[in-house]
Amino acid sequence: MTDVHDKATRSYNMSMIKGKDTKPEILVRKFLHGNGYRFRLNYSKLPGKPDIVLPKYKTVIFINGCFWHGHHDCKYYVIPKVRTEWWLGKIEATIIRDKRIIKELEILGWNTWTIWECELKSRNRAKTLEDLLVFLSKF
């Protein structure tokens, strides 16, 4: 199957995909700040540059896009029909990297929490954010 877009259009579309300050990240940050939590963003001194770092609680939060991080059994993780093998390799490498980074952080004594993009959709959001507060209350 060939791409439905020409090379220039595809390049533009891909360049518009943000790596930080995404809507799900901003939603979680506003929620945490509104509940009195203070944090750092994309802290480069930790493995994986976690999206949100709460130093006081020695906790990091990753907010993963379901497609980009290969959220299996999720309706938002749809394997493209064009360049399928390339995408599968890229996503698998991301999954492996995510696991390695979480392990490195835990070895360093950090608590980790991952929130998936689908967990922040309106029907799941309240429970996801409540679960996050419960998790943070342990530290």
N, C-alpha and C. Protein backbone atom coordinates (compact mmCIF):
# COMPACT_ATOMS: atom_id res chain seq x y z
N MET A 1 0.86 -1.18 0.00
CA MET A 1 0.00 0.00 0.00
C MET A 1 0.90 1.24 0.00
N THR A 2 0.50 2.24 -0.75
CA THR A 2 1.27 3.48 -0.80
C THR A 2 0.63 4.52 0.10
N ASP A 3 1.42 5.50 0.44
CA ASP A 3 0.96 6.57 1.31
C ASP A 3 -0.12 7.40 0.62
N VAL A 4 -1.10 7.85 1.38
CA VAL A 4 -2.17 8.67 0.81
C VAL A 4 -1.73 10.12 0.62
N HIS A 5 -0.59 10.49 1.22
CA HIS A 5 -0.07 11.86 1.09
C HIS A 5 1.21 11.86 0.28
N ASP A 6 1.48 12.98 -0.37
CA ASP A 6 2.77 13.10 -1.04
C ASP A 6 3.84 13.33 0.01
N LYS A 7 5.10 13.26 -0.39
CA LYS A 7 6.22 13.32 0.56
C LYS A 7 6.24 14.62 1.36
N ALA A 8 5.96 15.75 0.71
CA ALA A 8 5.97 17.04 1.40
C ALA A 8 4.86 17.14 2.44
N THR A 9 3.67 16.67 2.10
CA THR A 9 2.55 16.70 3.04
C THR A 9 2.84 15.80 4.23
N ARG A 10 3.34 14.59 3.98
CA ARG A 10 3.66 13.67 5.06
C ARG A 10 4.73 14.28 5.97
N SER A 11 5.74 14.88 5.38
CA SER A 11 6.82 15.51 6.16
C SER A 11 6.27 16.62 7.05
N TYR A 12 5.39 17.44 6.49
CA TYR A 12 4.78 18.51 7.27
C TYR A 12 3.95 17.94 8.42
N ASN A 13 3.11 16.94 8.13
CA ASN A 13 2.27 16.33 9.16
C ASN A 13 3.12 15.79 10.30
N MET A 14 4.19 15.10 9.97
CA MET A 14 5.05 14.51 11.01
C MET A 14 5.77 15.61 11.80
N SER A 15 6.12 16.71 11.16
CA SER A 15 6.83 17.78 11.87
C SER A 15 5.94 18.51 12.86
N MET A 16 4.63 18.37 12.72
CA MET A 16 3.68 19.03 13.62
C MET A 16 3.41 18.23 14.89
N ILE A 17 3.93 17.02 14.96
CA ILE A 17 3.71 16.18 16.14
C ILE A 17 4.67 16.64 17.24
N LYS A 18 4.09 17.01 18.39
CA LYS A 18 4.88 17.56 19.48
C LYS A 18 5.43 16.45 20.37
N GLY A 19 6.61 16.69 20.92
CA GLY A 19 7.23 15.73 21.82
C GLY A 19 7.05 16.12 23.28
N LYS A 20 6.78 17.38 23.54
CA LYS A 20 6.53 17.83 24.91
C LYS A 20 5.49 18.93 24.88
N ASP A 21 4.96 19.24 26.05
CA ASP A 21 3.87 20.22 26.18
C ASP A 21 2.64 19.79 25.37
N THR A 22 2.37 18.49 25.38
CA THR A 22 1.19 17.97 24.69
C THR A 22 -0.04 18.24 25.55
N LYS A 23 -1.21 18.12 24.97
CA LYS A 23 -2.45 18.35 25.72
C LYS A 23 -2.56 17.42 26.93
N PRO A 24 -2.27 16.11 26.78
CA PRO A 24 -2.34 15.25 27.98
C PRO A 24 -1.36 15.68 29.07
N GLU A 25 -0.15 16.10 28.69
CA GLU A 25 0.83 16.55 29.69
C GLU A 25 0.32 17.79 30.41
N ILE A 26 -0.19 18.74 29.67
CA ILE A 26 -0.67 19.99 30.26
C ILE A 26 -1.85 19.71 31.19
N LEU A 27 -2.72 18.80 30.81
CA LEU A 27 -3.86 18.44 31.64
C LEU A 27 -3.38 17.89 33.00
N VAL A 28 -2.41 16.98 32.99
CA VAL A 28 -1.90 16.40 34.23
C VAL A 28 -1.17 17.46 35.04
N ARG A 29 -0.39 18.30 34.38
CA ARG A 29 0.35 19.35 35.10
C ARG A 29 -0.61 20.31 35.80
N LYS A 30 -1.67 20.73 35.13
CA LYS A 30 -2.66 21.63 35.75
C LYS A 30 -3.33 20.95 36.94
N PHE A 31 -3.64 19.68 36.79
CA PHE A 31 -4.27 18.93 37.88
C PHE A 31 -3.33 18.86 39.08
N LEU A 32 -2.07 18.49 38.85
CA LEU A 32 -1.12 18.39 39.95
C LEU A 32 -0.92 19.74 40.63
N HIS A 33 -0.73 20.78 39.85
CA HIS A 33 -0.51 22.11 40.41
C HIS A 33 -1.72 22.55 41.22
N GLY A 34 -2.91 22.29 40.70
CA GLY A 34 -4.14 22.65 41.41
C GLY A 34 -4.31 21.90 42.72
N ASN A 35 -3.64 20.75 42.83
CA ASN A 35 -3.71 19.97 44.07
C ASN A 35 -2.48 20.19 44.95
N GLY A 36 -1.73 21.24 44.66
CA GLY A 36 -0.63 21.64 45.53
C GLY A 36 0.71 20.98 45.26
N TYR A 37 0.83 20.21 44.21
CA TYR A 37 2.09 19.55 43.89
C TYR A 37 2.96 20.47 43.04
N ARG A 38 4.24 20.51 43.35
CA ARG A 38 5.21 21.29 42.58
C ARG A 38 6.16 20.31 41.93
N PHE A 39 6.58 20.62 40.72
CA PHE A 39 7.32 19.64 39.93
C PHE A 39 8.26 20.33 38.95
N ARG A 40 9.11 19.52 38.34
CA ARG A 40 9.99 19.97 37.26
C ARG A 40 9.53 19.26 36.00
N LEU A 41 9.86 19.85 34.86
CA LEU A 41 9.46 19.28 33.57
C LEU A 41 10.67 18.79 32.79
N ASN A 42 10.53 17.64 32.15
CA ASN A 42 11.53 17.11 31.24
C ASN A 42 12.96 17.23 31.80
N TYR A 43 13.14 16.76 33.01
CA TYR A 43 14.39 16.91 33.75
C TYR A 43 15.48 16.05 33.11
N SER A 44 16.43 16.70 32.46
CA SER A 44 17.43 16.00 31.65
C SER A 44 18.49 15.26 32.47
N LYS A 45 18.55 15.50 33.79
CA LYS A 45 19.56 14.81 34.60
C LYS A 45 19.11 13.41 35.02
N LEU A 46 17.88 13.05 34.68
CA LEU A 46 17.38 11.71 34.97
C LEU A 46 17.26 10.92 33.67
N PRO A 47 17.42 9.60 33.74
CA PRO A 47 17.26 8.78 32.53
C PRO A 47 15.89 9.00 31.90
N GLY A 48 15.87 9.19 30.59
CA GLY A 48 14.62 9.31 29.85
C GLY A 48 13.96 10.68 29.87
N LYS A 49 14.57 11.67 30.54
CA LYS A 49 13.97 13.00 30.66
C LYS A 49 12.47 12.89 30.96
N PRO A 50 12.09 12.41 32.14
CA PRO A 50 10.67 12.21 32.47
C PRO A 50 9.85 13.48 32.24
N ASP A 51 8.59 13.28 31.83
CA ASP A 51 7.70 14.40 31.54
C ASP A 51 7.50 15.28 32.78
N ILE A 52 7.28 14.63 33.92
CA ILE A 52 7.04 15.36 35.18
C ILE A 52 7.88 14.70 36.27
N VAL A 53 8.62 15.54 37.02
CA VAL A 53 9.44 15.04 38.13
C VAL A 53 9.00 15.76 39.40
N LEU A 54 8.65 14.97 40.41
CA LEU A 54 8.29 15.53 41.72
C LEU A 54 9.42 15.18 42.68
N PRO A 55 10.44 16.03 42.78
CA PRO A 55 11.62 15.71 43.60
C PRO A 55 11.28 15.42 45.06
N LYS A 56 10.34 16.18 45.63
CA LYS A 56 9.96 16.00 47.04
C LYS A 56 9.46 14.58 47.30
N TYR A 57 8.84 13.97 46.31
CA TYR A 57 8.27 12.63 46.46
C TYR A 57 9.12 11.57 45.77
N LYS A 58 10.27 11.99 45.23
CA LYS A 58 11.17 11.12 44.48
C LYS A 58 10.38 10.27 43.48
N THR A 59 9.51 10.98 42.73
CA THR A 59 8.59 10.33 41.81
C THR A 59 8.67 11.00 40.44
N VAL A 60 8.61 10.17 39.40
CA VAL A 60 8.54 10.68 38.03
C VAL A 60 7.25 10.16 37.39
N ILE A 61 6.71 10.97 36.51
CA ILE A 61 5.50 10.60 35.79
C ILE A 61 5.78 10.70 34.29
N PHE A 62 5.49 9.61 33.60
CA PHE A 62 5.57 9.60 32.15
C PHE A 62 4.15 9.65 31.60
N ILE A 63 3.92 10.48 30.60
CA ILE A 63 2.63 10.55 29.95
C ILE A 63 2.86 10.10 28.50
N ASN A 64 2.41 8.88 28.23
CA ASN A 64 2.71 8.24 26.95
C ASN A 64 1.56 8.29 25.98
N GLY A 65 1.89 8.61 24.74
CA GLY A 65 0.93 8.51 23.64
C GLY A 65 0.73 7.04 23.32
N CYS A 66 -0.50 6.62 23.18
CA CYS A 66 -0.81 5.21 22.96
C CYS A 66 -0.17 4.67 21.68
N PHE A 67 -0.17 5.45 20.62
CA PHE A 67 0.44 4.99 19.37
C PHE A 67 1.96 4.94 19.50
N TRP A 68 2.56 6.03 19.91
CA TRP A 68 4.02 6.15 19.89
C TRP A 68 4.70 5.18 20.85
N HIS A 69 4.03 4.81 21.93
CA HIS A 69 4.65 3.93 22.93
C HIS A 69 4.05 2.53 22.90
N GLY A 70 3.25 2.23 21.89
CA GLY A 70 2.75 0.88 21.67
C GLY A 70 1.85 0.34 22.77
N HIS A 71 0.80 1.07 23.10
CA HIS A 71 -0.14 0.65 24.15
C HIS A 71 -1.02 -0.48 23.60
N HIS A 72 -0.58 -1.71 23.81
CA HIS A 72 -1.29 -2.87 23.27
C HIS A 72 -2.71 -2.96 23.83
N ASP A 73 -3.61 -3.51 23.05
CA ASP A 73 -5.02 -3.65 23.39
C ASP A 73 -5.70 -2.31 23.61
N CYS A 74 -5.21 -1.29 22.94
CA CYS A 74 -5.80 0.05 23.03
C CYS A 74 -6.27 0.45 21.64
N LYS A 75 -7.44 1.04 21.57
CA LYS A 75 -7.99 1.40 20.25
C LYS A 75 -7.21 2.52 19.58
N TYR A 76 -6.38 3.23 20.34
CA TYR A 76 -5.59 4.32 19.76
C TYR A 76 -4.23 3.83 19.24
N TYR A 77 -3.92 2.56 19.49
CA TYR A 77 -2.69 1.97 18.97
C TYR A 77 -3.04 1.19 17.71
N VAL A 78 -3.02 1.88 16.58
CA VAL A 78 -3.36 1.29 15.30
C VAL A 78 -2.09 1.27 14.46
N ILE A 79 -1.70 0.08 14.04
CA ILE A 79 -0.48 -0.05 13.25
C ILE A 79 -0.75 0.46 11.84
N PRO A 80 0.08 1.37 11.36
CA PRO A 80 -0.13 1.92 10.01
C PRO A 80 -0.04 0.84 8.94
N LYS A 81 -0.80 1.02 7.88
CA LYS A 81 -0.80 0.08 6.77
C LYS A 81 0.34 0.37 5.78
N VAL A 82 0.94 1.54 5.90
CA VAL A 82 2.07 1.92 5.06
C VAL A 82 3.34 1.82 5.90
N ARG A 83 4.37 1.18 5.35
CA ARG A 83 5.66 1.00 6.03
C ARG A 83 5.47 0.29 7.38
N THR A 84 4.64 -0.70 7.39
CA THR A 84 4.26 -1.41 8.61
C THR A 84 5.46 -1.95 9.37
N GLU A 85 6.37 -2.62 8.67
CA GLU A 85 7.54 -3.21 9.35
C GLU A 85 8.40 -2.12 10.00
N TRP A 86 8.57 -1.01 9.30
CA TRP A 86 9.37 0.09 9.85
C TRP A 86 8.72 0.63 11.13
N TRP A 87 7.41 0.86 11.09
CA TRP A 87 6.70 1.37 12.27
C TRP A 87 6.76 0.38 13.42
N LEU A 88 6.57 -0.91 13.14
CA LEU A 88 6.63 -1.92 14.20
C LEU A 88 8.00 -1.92 14.86
N GLY A 89 9.05 -1.81 14.06
CA GLY A 89 10.41 -1.76 14.61
C GLY A 89 10.62 -0.53 15.48
N LYS A 90 10.14 0.61 14.99
CA LYS A 90 10.28 1.86 15.74
C LYS A 90 9.53 1.80 17.07
N ILE A 91 8.30 1.33 17.03
CA ILE A 91 7.50 1.27 18.25
C ILE A 91 8.06 0.23 19.22
N GLU A 92 8.50 -0.90 18.73
CA GLU A 92 9.11 -1.93 19.59
C GLU A 92 10.36 -1.39 20.28
N ALA A 93 11.17 -0.63 19.54
CA ALA A 93 12.36 -0.02 20.14
C ALA A 93 11.96 0.96 21.25
N THR A 94 10.88 1.69 21.05
CA THR A 94 10.39 2.62 22.08
C THR A 94 9.94 1.86 23.32
N ILE A 95 9.23 0.75 23.13
CA ILE A 95 8.76 -0.06 24.26
C ILE A 95 9.96 -0.58 25.06
N ILE A 96 10.96 -1.08 24.37
CA ILE A 96 12.17 -1.59 25.03
C ILE A 96 12.88 -0.47 25.78
N ARG A 97 13.00 0.70 25.15
CA ARG A 97 13.65 1.85 25.80
C ARG A 97 12.87 2.28 27.04
N ASP A 98 11.53 2.33 26.94
CA ASP A 98 10.71 2.72 28.10
C ASP A 98 10.95 1.79 29.28
N LYS A 99 10.99 0.48 29.03
CA LYS A 99 11.22 -0.50 30.10
C LYS A 99 12.60 -0.31 30.73
N ARG A 100 13.60 -0.07 29.88
CA ARG A 100 14.97 0.13 30.38
C ARG A 100 15.05 1.38 31.24
N ILE A 101 14.44 2.46 30.80
CA ILE A 101 14.47 3.72 31.54
C ILE A 101 13.78 3.58 32.88
N ILE A 102 12.62 2.93 32.92
CA ILE A 102 11.91 2.73 34.19
C ILE A 102 12.76 1.91 35.14
N LYS A 103 13.41 0.89 34.63
CA LYS A 103 14.28 0.06 35.48
C LYS A 103 15.44 0.88 36.02
N GLU A 104 16.06 1.71 35.18
CA GLU A 104 17.17 2.57 35.62
C GLU A 104 16.71 3.52 36.72
N LEU A 105 15.54 4.13 36.53
CA LEU A 105 15.02 5.06 37.54
C LEU A 105 14.73 4.36 38.86
N GLU A 106 14.15 3.17 38.79
CA GLU A 106 13.86 2.42 40.01
C GLU A 106 15.14 2.01 40.72
N ILE A 107 16.18 1.65 39.98
CA ILE A 107 17.47 1.33 40.58
C ILE A 107 18.03 2.56 41.31
N LEU A 108 17.78 3.74 40.75
CA LEU A 108 18.23 4.99 41.37
C LEU A 108 17.34 5.41 42.55
N GLY A 109 16.28 4.64 42.81
CA GLY A 109 15.41 4.92 43.94
C GLY A 109 14.21 5.79 43.63
N TRP A 110 13.89 5.99 42.37
CA TRP A 110 12.75 6.81 41.99
C TRP A 110 11.50 5.95 41.85
N ASN A 111 10.36 6.50 42.23
CA ASN A 111 9.06 5.88 42.00
C ASN A 111 8.61 6.32 40.61
N THR A 112 8.03 5.41 39.86
CA THR A 112 7.59 5.76 38.51
C THR A 112 6.10 5.50 38.34
N TRP A 113 5.48 6.34 37.53
CA TRP A 113 4.06 6.21 37.21
C TRP A 113 3.89 6.57 35.75
N THR A 114 3.19 5.74 35.03
CA THR A 114 2.93 5.99 33.61
C THR A 114 1.44 6.19 33.41
N ILE A 115 1.12 7.27 32.71
CA ILE A 115 -0.26 7.55 32.34
C ILE A 115 -0.33 7.47 30.82
N TRP A 116 -1.29 6.69 30.33
CA TRP A 116 -1.49 6.56 28.89
C TRP A 116 -2.48 7.61 28.40
N GLU A 117 -2.26 8.04 27.19
CA GLU A 117 -3.12 9.04 26.55
C GLU A 117 -4.61 8.66 26.66
N CYS A 118 -4.94 7.39 26.44
CA CYS A 118 -6.34 6.95 26.49
C CYS A 118 -6.93 7.07 27.90
N GLU A 119 -6.08 7.03 28.92
CA GLU A 119 -6.56 7.13 30.30
C GLU A 119 -6.96 8.57 30.65
N LEU A 120 -6.62 9.51 29.77
CA LEU A 120 -6.97 10.90 30.02
C LEU A 120 -8.14 11.37 29.16
N LYS A 121 -8.73 10.45 28.40
CA LYS A 121 -9.95 10.79 27.66
C LYS A 121 -11.05 11.03 28.70
N SER A 122 -12.04 11.82 28.37
CA SER A 122 -13.03 12.29 29.35
C SER A 122 -13.68 11.17 30.17
N ARG A 123 -13.94 10.01 29.56
CA ARG A 123 -14.62 8.94 30.30
C ARG A 123 -13.72 8.29 31.35
N ASN A 124 -12.40 8.40 31.22
CA ASN A 124 -11.46 7.76 32.15
C ASN A 124 -10.71 8.75 33.03
N ARG A 125 -10.77 10.01 32.69
CA ARG A 125 -9.90 11.02 33.29
C ARG A 125 -10.01 11.10 34.82
N ALA A 126 -11.21 11.18 35.35
CA ALA A 126 -11.38 11.36 36.80
C ALA A 126 -10.74 10.21 37.57
N LYS A 127 -10.96 8.98 37.12
CA LYS A 127 -10.39 7.82 37.81
C LYS A 127 -8.87 7.82 37.69
N THR A 128 -8.35 8.15 36.52
CA THR A 128 -6.90 8.18 36.31
C THR A 128 -6.24 9.19 37.23
N LEU A 129 -6.81 10.38 37.31
CA LEU A 129 -6.21 11.42 38.15
C LEU A 129 -6.38 11.10 39.63
N GLU A 130 -7.49 10.49 40.00
CA GLU A 130 -7.67 10.06 41.40
C GLU A 130 -6.65 8.98 41.75
N ASP A 131 -6.42 8.03 40.84
CA ASP A 131 -5.40 6.99 41.07
C ASP A 131 -4.02 7.61 41.24
N LEU A 132 -3.74 8.66 40.48
CA LEU A 132 -2.45 9.35 40.60
C LEU A 132 -2.31 9.96 41.99
N LEU A 133 -3.36 10.60 42.48
CA LEU A 133 -3.30 11.19 43.83
C LEU A 133 -3.09 10.11 44.90
N VAL A 134 -3.77 8.99 44.74
CA VAL A 134 -3.59 7.89 45.69
C VAL A 134 -2.15 7.40 45.66
N PHE A 135 -1.60 7.24 44.46
CA PHE A 135 -0.20 6.82 44.32
C PHE A 135 0.74 7.81 45.00
N LEU A 136 0.55 9.10 44.76
CA LEU A 136 1.43 10.12 45.34
C LEU A 136 1.29 10.22 46.85
N SER A 137 0.11 9.89 47.38
CA SER A 137 -0.11 9.99 48.83
C SER A 137 0.72 8.96 49.60
N LYS A 138 1.25 7.97 48.91
CA LYS A 138 2.06 6.94 49.56
C LYS A 138 3.46 7.44 49.91
N PHE A 139 3.86 8.58 49.34
CA PHE A 139 5.25 9.03 49.53
C PHE A 139 5.34 10.28 50.35
